[in-house]
Amino acid sequence: MTHRTEPFEALAELVGRAAESLRQGNRRADDQLRDPLAKWLEDAAAGDDLGVINPYAVAVARAVLMP
């Protein structure tokens, strides 16, 4: 499953912001999950070998950054 409805750069920025938000103490994730989840989002922001961002990472990023 790939996520191509938005440009790679926009998705990478979204996922990267979510990782940073978690590292700064976002309360939407339990304390034990923050660091591993932020690391996963940082890795996902780089995309895969085909330059595609994991759609699950995009969904998690949106949930983390939701107002």
C-alpha atoms as a PDB file:
ATOM      1  CA  MET A   1       0.000   0.000   0.000  1.00  0.00           C
ATOM      2  CA  THR A   2       1.448   3.385  -0.983  1.00  0.00           C
ATOM      3  CA  HIS A   3       0.325   6.925  -0.390  1.00  0.00           C
ATOM      4  CA  ARG A   4       0.705   9.105  -3.472  1.00  0.00           C
ATOM      5  CA  THR A   5      -2.191  11.575  -3.276  1.00  0.00           C
ATOM      6  CA  GLU A   6       0.109  14.296  -1.940  1.00  0.00           C
ATOM      7  CA  PRO A   7       3.646  15.219  -3.005  1.00  0.00           C
ATOM      8  CA  PHE A   8       6.470  13.361  -1.273  1.00  0.00           C
ATOM      9  CA  GLU A   9       7.862  16.598   0.190  1.00  0.00           C
ATOM     10  CA  ALA A  10       4.560  17.497   1.851  1.00  0.00           C
ATOM     11  CA  LEU A  11       4.186  14.043   3.373  1.00  0.00           C
ATOM     12  CA  ALA A  12       7.816  13.965   4.524  1.00  0.00           C
ATOM     13  CA  GLU A  13       7.359  17.345   6.208  1.00  0.00           C
ATOM     14  CA  LEU A  14       4.138  16.204   7.912  1.00  0.00           C
ATOM     15  CA  VAL A  15       5.706  13.002   9.240  1.00  0.00           C
ATOM     16  CA  GLY A  16       8.839  14.861  10.353  1.00  0.00           C
ATOM     17  CA  ARG A  17       6.773  17.444  12.246  1.00  0.00           C
ATOM     18  CA  ALA A  18       4.901  14.664  14.025  1.00  0.00           C
ATOM     19  CA  ALA A  19       8.182  13.078  15.120  1.00  0.00           C
ATOM     20  CA  GLU A  20       9.396  16.410  16.480  1.00  0.00           C
ATOM     21  CA  SER A  21       6.082  16.992  18.228  1.00  0.00           C
ATOM     22  CA  LEU A  22       6.408  13.635  19.990  1.00  0.00           C
ATOM     23  CA  ARG A  23       9.961  14.404  21.048  1.00  0.00           C
ATOM     24  CA  GLN A  24       8.751  17.690  22.552  1.00  0.00           C
ATOM     25  CA  GLY A  25       6.255  15.870  24.763  1.00  0.00           C
ATOM     26  CA  ASN A  26       3.041  15.641  22.747  1.00  0.00           C
ATOM     27  CA  ARG A  27       0.500  14.047  25.089  1.00  0.00           C
ATOM     28  CA  ARG A  28      -1.300  12.067  22.370  1.00  0.00           C
ATOM     29  CA  ALA A  29       1.145   9.195  22.876  1.00  0.00           C
ATOM     30  CA  ASP A  30       1.938   7.323  26.051  1.00  0.00           C
ATOM     31  CA  ASP A  31       5.346   8.087  27.580  1.00  0.00           C
ATOM     32  CA  GLN A  32       6.784   4.666  26.724  1.00  0.00           C
ATOM     33  CA  LEU A  33       5.767   5.049  23.076  1.00  0.00           C
ATOM     34  CA  ARG A  34       7.064   8.548  22.385  1.00  0.00           C
ATOM     35  CA  ASP A  35      10.704   7.815  21.575  1.00  0.00           C
ATOM     36  CA  PRO A  36      10.179   4.658  19.476  1.00  0.00           C
ATOM     37  CA  LEU A  37       7.253   6.260  17.655  1.00  0.00           C
ATOM     38  CA  ALA A  38       9.242   9.433  16.949  1.00  0.00           C
ATOM     39  CA  LYS A  39      12.147   7.350  15.614  1.00  0.00           C
ATOM     40  CA  TRP A  40       9.809   5.370  13.360  1.00  0.00           C
ATOM     41  CA  LEU A  41       8.257   8.600  12.029  1.00  0.00           C
ATOM     42  CA  GLU A  42      11.698  10.105  11.394  1.00  0.00           C
ATOM     43  CA  ASP A  43      12.674   7.001   9.414  1.00  0.00           C
ATOM     44  CA  ALA A  44       9.367   7.071   7.537  1.00  0.00           C
ATOM     45  CA  ALA A  45       9.824  10.739   6.604  1.00  0.00           C
ATOM     46  CA  ALA A  46      12.770   9.703   4.418  1.00  0.00           C
ATOM     47  CA  GLY A  47      10.507   7.441   2.358  1.00  0.00           C
ATOM     48  CA  ASP A  48      11.296   3.993   1.052  1.00  0.00           C
ATOM     49  CA  ASP A  49      13.565   2.981  -1.834  1.00  0.00           C
ATOM     50  CA  LEU A  50      10.926   4.156  -4.295  1.00  0.00           C
ATOM     51  CA  GLY A  51      10.452   7.539  -2.623  1.00  0.00           C
ATOM     52  CA  VAL A  52       7.087   6.597  -1.134  1.00  0.00           C
ATOM     53  CA  ILE A  53       6.021   7.445   2.415  1.00  0.00           C
ATOM     54  CA  ASN A  54       4.284   4.702   4.368  1.00  0.00           C
ATOM     55  CA  PRO A  55       0.545   5.516   4.491  1.00  0.00           C
ATOM     56  CA  TYR A  56       0.381   4.281   8.084  1.00  0.00           C
ATOM     57  CA  ALA A  57       3.075   6.787   9.033  1.00  0.00           C
ATOM     58  CA  VAL A  58       1.034   9.536   7.374  1.00  0.00           C
ATOM     59  CA  ALA A  59      -2.076   8.487   9.318  1.00  0.00           C
ATOM     60  CA  VAL A  60      -0.135   8.419  12.608  1.00  0.00           C
ATOM     61  CA  ALA A  61       1.449  11.803  11.839  1.00  0.00           C
ATOM     62  CA  ARG A  62      -1.972  13.346  11.216  1.00  0.00           C
ATOM     63  CA  ALA A  63      -3.320  11.852  14.447  1.00  0.00           C
ATOM     64  CA  VAL A  64      -0.340  13.162  16.434  1.00  0.00           C
ATOM     65  CA  LEU A  65      -0.646  16.662  14.969  1.00  0.00           C
ATOM     66  CA  MET A  66      -4.467  16.847  15.170  1.00  0.00           C
ATOM     67  CA  PRO A  67      -5.594  19.951  17.072  1.00  0.00           C
END
